[in-house]
């Protein structure tokens, strides 16, 4: 994550639409679903840490969501 996102009060690099798309993709992936509290942490809505297996699962879902037509990462800090 870039310093613009790390220093902000909220996650600037993942749009709400992309996050919602990634959460739907993640929910359909095999294995246990990532708890909502971990998504809140990743998106900057809560503080804390996320175990690596869940982080990897969320990042995989975000990568897949980004590949869909019309999806784009945005950074309001840039």
Protein backbone atom coordinates (compact mmCIF):
# COMPACT_ATOMS: atom_id res chain seq x y z
CA UNK A 1 0.00 0.00 0.00
CA UNK A 2 1.36 3.47 -0.78
CA UNK A 3 2.06 6.06 1.90
CA UNK A 4 -0.94 8.14 0.80
CA UNK A 5 -3.25 5.33 1.86
CA UNK A 6 -1.33 4.36 4.97
CA UNK A 7 -1.47 7.90 6.34
CA UNK A 8 -5.12 8.57 5.55
CA UNK A 9 -8.07 8.06 7.85
CA UNK A 10 -9.65 5.73 5.32
CA UNK A 11 -8.49 3.47 2.52
CA UNK A 12 -8.26 5.70 -0.54
CA UNK A 13 -7.08 3.12 -3.08
CA UNK A 14 -10.13 0.84 -3.19
CA UNK A 15 -13.38 2.30 -4.41
CA UNK A 16 -16.59 1.22 -2.65
CA UNK A 17 -17.84 -0.38 -5.87
CA UNK A 18 -14.64 -2.40 -6.30
CA UNK A 19 -14.73 -3.44 -2.64
CA UNK A 20 -18.34 -4.62 -2.96
CA UNK A 21 -17.50 -6.58 -6.11
CA UNK A 22 -14.49 -8.19 -4.38
CA UNK A 23 -16.59 -9.14 -1.36
CA UNK A 24 -19.12 -10.90 -3.62
CA UNK A 25 -16.30 -12.75 -5.38
CA UNK A 26 -14.68 -13.71 -2.07
CA UNK A 27 -17.98 -15.05 -0.70
CA UNK A 28 -18.21 -17.46 -3.65
CA UNK A 29 -14.63 -18.73 -3.28
CA UNK A 30 -14.14 -22.20 -1.78
CA UNK A 31 -13.32 -22.30 1.91
CA UNK A 32 -14.39 -20.22 4.88
CA UNK A 33 -15.64 -16.71 4.16
CA UNK A 34 -13.54 -13.82 5.50
CA UNK A 35 -15.27 -12.18 8.49
CA UNK A 36 -16.75 -8.72 7.87
CA UNK A 37 -14.46 -7.24 10.54
CA UNK A 38 -11.40 -8.13 8.43
CA UNK A 39 -12.85 -6.37 5.41
CA UNK A 40 -13.46 -3.31 7.61
CA UNK A 41 -9.79 -3.35 8.61
CA UNK A 42 -8.56 -3.79 5.03
CA UNK A 43 -10.77 -0.95 3.80
CA UNK A 44 -9.66 1.37 6.58
CA UNK A 45 -12.98 1.51 8.44
CA UNK A 46 -11.50 -0.11 11.56
CA UNK A 47 -8.11 -0.56 13.13
CA UNK A 48 -6.40 -3.84 13.75
CA UNK A 49 -4.60 -6.55 11.88
CA UNK A 50 -5.69 -9.33 9.58
CA UNK A 51 -4.09 -12.79 9.52
CA UNK A 52 -2.18 -13.57 6.33
CA UNK A 53 -4.51 -16.32 4.99
CA UNK A 54 -7.48 -13.94 5.11
CA UNK A 55 -5.42 -11.06 3.69
CA UNK A 56 -4.30 -13.25 0.79
CA UNK A 57 -7.91 -14.34 0.16
CA UNK A 58 -9.14 -10.73 0.14
CA UNK A 59 -6.32 -9.57 -2.16
CA UNK A 60 -7.05 -12.45 -4.54
CA UNK A 61 -10.71 -11.39 -4.64
CA UNK A 62 -9.69 -7.76 -5.24
CA UNK A 63 -7.40 -8.83 -8.09
CA UNK A 64 -10.27 -10.77 -9.68
CA UNK A 65 -12.67 -7.87 -9.18
CA UNK A 66 -10.22 -5.50 -10.83
CA UNK A 67 -10.15 -7.70 -13.95
CA UNK A 68 -13.87 -7.27 -14.55
CA UNK A 69 -14.93 -4.74 -17.21
CA UNK A 70 -15.47 -1.27 -15.80
CA UNK A 71 -13.50 -1.96 -12.63
CA UNK A 72 -10.68 0.37 -11.69
CA UNK A 73 -8.60 1.17 -8.68
CA UNK A 74 -8.67 4.82 -7.82
CA UNK A 75 -6.59 6.89 -5.47
CA UNK A 76 -8.05 10.22 -4.41
CA UNK A 77 -4.75 11.12 -2.73
CA UNK A 78 -2.81 11.28 -6.03
